[in-house]
Amino acid sequence: MSTKIKFPIGTLYWVSITGDGKDQSEAGDGSKMKKTATLHLKTDSAECKALKADIEKIWELYKAENPKIKAATKPKSLGYKVVKDKETDEETDMTAFSLSTNSFYKDGKPAHVPLYNAKGAVHEMGEDEVGNGSVGTVYGETGPYEYKGSFGISLYLKAVQIIPSKLKLRSSDGVEAADISAYGDDRDSEGPAPIEQTPESTPNI
């Protein structure tokens, strides 16, 4: 049984909703293609606390209704966890909510995860993807799961919404275009401002 849940505005990471999405199979053989998005919120914010409380209530209800789950059972996952610093592996002040959905239905038809702009209209990205650090939100549902004797709550992705003025692009070649508008329009006559092309320095989630 799925339950709709409202997500606040935050920072988007690992958005992959175009094409076939992202391969999440253990063997890397494309057998588990998913469309994904992760929303980062300040852990101590009222929005983050309220969202976690909503998910935890859904878990408690599921646990109470499932006779196979003992009262003291802890969930394997509730779809969120504290973000850790990539270099130090220490916890940061952010919490990541990870959503995904299968890229294909059981009959083989592709699943569509739409992208909307701030006004709720469809936002066309072409071959680009929403880059890490973009500001926006996600739409999704919670659903209980059971796997090898463990239980928990999954977050299923339905749509992504971005604020275009705070959108960071990740193109098909993996480069995230920086905002260089602060340099002024006359930069064109001098050549483009240098962009540091380094791997995405994002926290582990």
Protein backbone atom coordinates (compact mmCIF):
# COMPACT_ATOMS: atom_id res chain seq x y z
CA MET A 1 0.00 0.00 0.00
CA SER A 2 1.50 3.31 -1.09
CA THR A 3 0.94 6.62 0.69
CA LYS A 4 1.38 10.05 -0.87
CA ILE A 5 3.71 12.33 1.05
CA LYS A 6 4.67 15.97 0.60
CA PHE A 7 8.32 16.92 0.25
CA PRO A 8 9.61 20.46 0.94
CA ILE A 9 12.00 22.48 -1.21
CA GLY A 10 15.64 21.53 -0.79
CA THR A 11 18.79 20.78 -2.75
CA LEU A 12 18.71 18.10 -5.43
CA TYR A 13 21.38 15.46 -6.00
CA TRP A 14 21.77 12.42 -8.26
CA VAL A 15 18.77 13.24 -10.45
CA SER A 16 18.55 10.71 -13.27
CA ILE A 17 15.16 10.76 -14.96
CA THR A 18 15.90 10.94 -18.69
CA GLY A 19 16.33 7.97 -21.00
CA ASP A 20 16.50 4.64 -19.22
CA GLY A 21 17.60 6.21 -15.94
CA LYS A 22 20.40 4.70 -13.88
CA ASP A 23 21.62 1.11 -13.70
CA GLN A 24 21.41 -0.02 -10.07
CA SER A 25 22.00 -3.72 -10.62
CA GLU A 26 24.76 -5.32 -8.56
CA ALA A 27 26.34 -6.83 -11.67
CA GLY A 28 26.09 -3.62 -13.69
CA ASP A 29 24.29 -5.51 -16.43
CA GLY A 30 21.33 -3.16 -16.84
CA SER A 31 18.88 -5.58 -15.24
CA LYS A 32 17.77 -3.04 -12.63
CA MET A 33 17.26 0.31 -14.31
CA LYS A 34 15.79 3.02 -12.11
CA LYS A 35 14.99 6.72 -12.28
CA THR A 36 16.28 8.47 -9.22
CA ALA A 37 16.47 11.72 -7.30
CA THR A 38 17.78 12.63 -3.86
CA LEU A 39 16.63 15.62 -1.81
CA HIS A 40 18.95 17.14 0.79
CA LEU A 41 17.48 19.06 3.74
CA LYS A 42 19.07 20.66 6.79
CA THR A 43 18.74 18.03 9.50
CA ASP A 44 17.74 20.49 12.21
CA SER A 45 15.20 22.31 10.03
CA ALA A 46 11.50 22.14 10.84
CA GLU A 47 10.80 20.82 7.33
CA CYS A 48 13.25 17.93 7.71
CA LYS A 49 11.98 16.99 11.15
CA ALA A 50 8.35 17.05 9.97
CA LEU A 51 9.12 14.90 6.92
CA LYS A 52 10.98 12.31 8.98
CA ALA A 53 8.12 12.24 11.48
CA ASP A 54 5.61 11.60 8.67
CA ILE A 55 7.67 8.70 7.34
CA GLU A 56 8.16 7.26 10.82
CA LYS A 57 4.38 7.35 11.42
CA ILE A 58 3.86 5.39 8.21
CA TRP A 59 6.43 2.84 9.39
CA GLU A 60 4.74 2.46 12.79
CA LEU A 61 1.37 1.93 11.12
CA TYR A 62 2.79 -0.66 8.74
CA LYS A 63 4.50 -2.45 11.63
CA ALA A 64 1.30 -2.50 13.69
CA GLU A 65 -0.71 -3.97 10.79
CA ASN A 66 1.81 -6.65 9.84
CA PRO A 67 1.77 -9.63 12.23
CA LYS A 68 5.16 -10.78 10.94
CA ILE A 69 6.87 -7.70 12.38
CA LYS A 70 7.65 -7.66 16.09
CA ALA A 71 6.98 -4.45 18.02
CA ALA A 72 10.67 -3.93 18.75
CA THR A 73 11.75 -4.41 15.12
CA LYS A 74 13.86 -1.60 13.68
CA PRO A 75 13.43 -0.73 9.99
CA LYS A 76 16.22 -1.69 7.62
CA SER A 77 15.67 1.68 5.94
CA LEU A 78 13.13 4.49 5.93
CA GLY A 79 14.42 6.06 2.71
CA TYR A 80 16.60 8.67 4.39
CA LYS A 81 19.90 8.98 6.22
CA VAL A 82 22.35 11.60 7.40
CA VAL A 83 24.79 12.75 4.71
CA LYS A 84 28.42 11.92 5.45
CA ASP A 85 31.39 13.98 4.34
CA LYS A 86 33.12 12.27 1.44
CA GLU A 87 36.61 12.97 2.76
CA THR A 88 36.23 12.40 6.51
CA ASP A 89 33.21 10.05 6.57
CA GLU A 90 31.84 12.19 9.40
CA GLU A 91 28.18 13.13 9.59
CA THR A 92 27.23 16.53 8.19
CA ASP A 93 24.28 18.75 9.07
CA MET A 94 22.27 17.46 6.09
CA THR A 95 19.84 14.56 5.66
CA ALA A 96 19.31 12.87 2.29
CA PHE A 97 15.94 11.49 1.17
CA SER A 98 16.47 9.08 -1.71
CA LEU A 99 13.63 8.32 -4.13
CA SER A 100 13.54 5.97 -7.08
CA THR A 101 11.18 4.13 -9.40
CA ASN A 102 11.65 1.35 -11.93
CA SER A 103 12.45 2.68 -15.39
CA PHE A 104 10.12 0.14 -16.99
CA TYR A 105 6.77 -1.39 -16.16
CA LYS A 106 6.37 -5.18 -16.03
CA ASP A 107 5.08 -5.17 -19.61
CA GLY A 108 8.28 -3.45 -20.78
CA LYS A 109 6.79 -0.02 -21.36
CA PRO A 110 9.00 2.87 -20.17
CA ALA A 111 8.01 4.76 -17.02
CA HIS A 112 7.96 8.55 -17.33
CA VAL A 113 9.10 10.82 -14.50
CA PRO A 114 8.23 14.41 -15.48
CA LEU A 115 10.26 17.50 -14.70
CA TYR A 116 8.40 20.72 -13.85
CA ASN A 117 9.47 24.33 -13.47
CA ALA A 118 8.59 26.60 -10.54
CA LYS A 119 5.16 27.37 -12.03
CA GLY A 120 4.26 23.72 -12.50
CA ALA A 121 4.73 23.64 -16.28
CA VAL A 122 6.77 20.90 -17.97
CA HIS A 123 10.43 21.90 -18.17
CA GLU A 124 12.27 20.57 -21.22
CA MET A 125 15.91 19.59 -20.63
CA GLY A 126 16.85 18.07 -23.97
CA GLU A 127 19.94 15.90 -23.48
CA ASP A 128 20.87 17.58 -20.21
CA GLU A 129 20.18 16.39 -16.68
CA VAL A 130 19.49 18.29 -13.48
CA GLY A 131 22.89 18.74 -11.85
CA ASN A 132 23.86 18.32 -8.22
CA GLY A 133 23.18 21.42 -6.14
CA SER A 134 20.06 22.50 -8.05
CA VAL A 135 17.24 23.83 -5.89
CA GLY A 136 13.82 22.23 -6.13
CA THR A 137 11.68 19.45 -4.75
CA VAL A 138 10.40 15.97 -5.53
CA TYR A 139 7.00 14.32 -5.62
CA GLY A 140 6.59 10.79 -4.43
CA GLU A 141 4.98 8.13 -2.32
CA THR A 142 6.04 5.83 0.47
CA GLY A 143 5.65 2.09 0.24
CA PRO A 144 6.49 -0.72 2.70
CA TYR A 145 8.88 -3.47 1.69
CA GLU A 146 10.04 -6.85 2.93
CA TYR A 147 13.34 -8.34 1.84
CA LYS A 148 15.07 -11.42 3.25
CA GLY A 149 13.42 -11.04 6.63
CA SER A 150 13.99 -7.29 6.86
CA PHE A 151 11.32 -4.63 6.68
CA GLY A 152 11.27 -0.91 5.91
CA ILE A 153 9.82 1.95 3.94
CA SER A 154 10.83 2.91 0.39
CA LEU A 155 10.37 6.33 -1.22
CA TYR A 156 9.02 6.10 -4.77
CA LEU A 157 9.73 8.91 -7.23
CA LYS A 158 6.85 10.39 -9.23
CA ALA A 159 8.16 13.77 -10.44
CA VAL A 160 10.86 16.40 -9.96
CA GLN A 161 10.34 20.17 -9.81
CA ILE A 162 13.12 22.73 -10.13
CA ILE A 163 13.53 26.48 -9.80
CA PRO A 164 15.02 27.38 -13.22
CA SER A 165 17.06 30.30 -11.87
CA LYS A 166 18.72 27.89 -9.42
CA LEU A 167 19.19 25.03 -11.86
CA LYS A 168 22.64 23.56 -12.37
CA LEU A 169 23.07 21.55 -15.53
CA ARG A 170 24.78 18.22 -15.91
CA SER A 171 25.19 17.63 -19.62
CA SER A 172 25.46 14.30 -21.38
CA ASP A 173 29.27 14.54 -21.19
CA GLY A 174 29.12 14.70 -17.40
CA VAL A 175 30.19 18.35 -17.07
CA GLU A 176 28.12 20.56 -14.80
CA ALA A 177 27.97 24.07 -16.25
CA ALA A 178 28.80 26.80 -13.73
CA ASP A 179 26.90 30.07 -13.43
CA ILE A 180 29.28 32.74 -14.74
CA SER A 181 26.69 35.49 -15.20
CA ALA A 182 28.39 37.57 -12.50
CA TYR A 183 31.24 38.25 -14.94
CA GLY A 184 28.94 40.31 -17.14
CA ASP A 185 27.93 40.10 -20.80
CA ASP A 186 31.30 41.38 -22.00
CA ARG A 187 32.92 38.06 -21.14
CA ASP A 188 31.91 36.77 -24.57
CA SER A 189 34.36 39.15 -26.25
CA GLU A 190 37.20 37.93 -24.03
CA GLY A 191 36.42 34.26 -24.30
CA PRO A 192 34.64 32.11 -21.76
CA ALA A 193 35.57 32.17 -18.12
CA PRO A 194 37.52 29.08 -17.08
CA ILE A 195 35.45 26.27 -15.59
CA GLU A 196 37.19 23.92 -13.23
CA GLN A 197 36.36 20.46 -14.54
CA THR A 198 36.75 18.17 -11.56
CA PRO A 199 34.68 15.18 -10.48
CA GLU A 200 31.53 16.06 -8.57
CA SER A 201 32.56 16.83 -5.00
CA THR A 202 29.39 15.67 -3.34
CA PRO A 203 28.92 13.88 -0.03
CA ASN A 204 28.37 10.16 0.20
CA ILE A 205 24.79 9.21 0.90
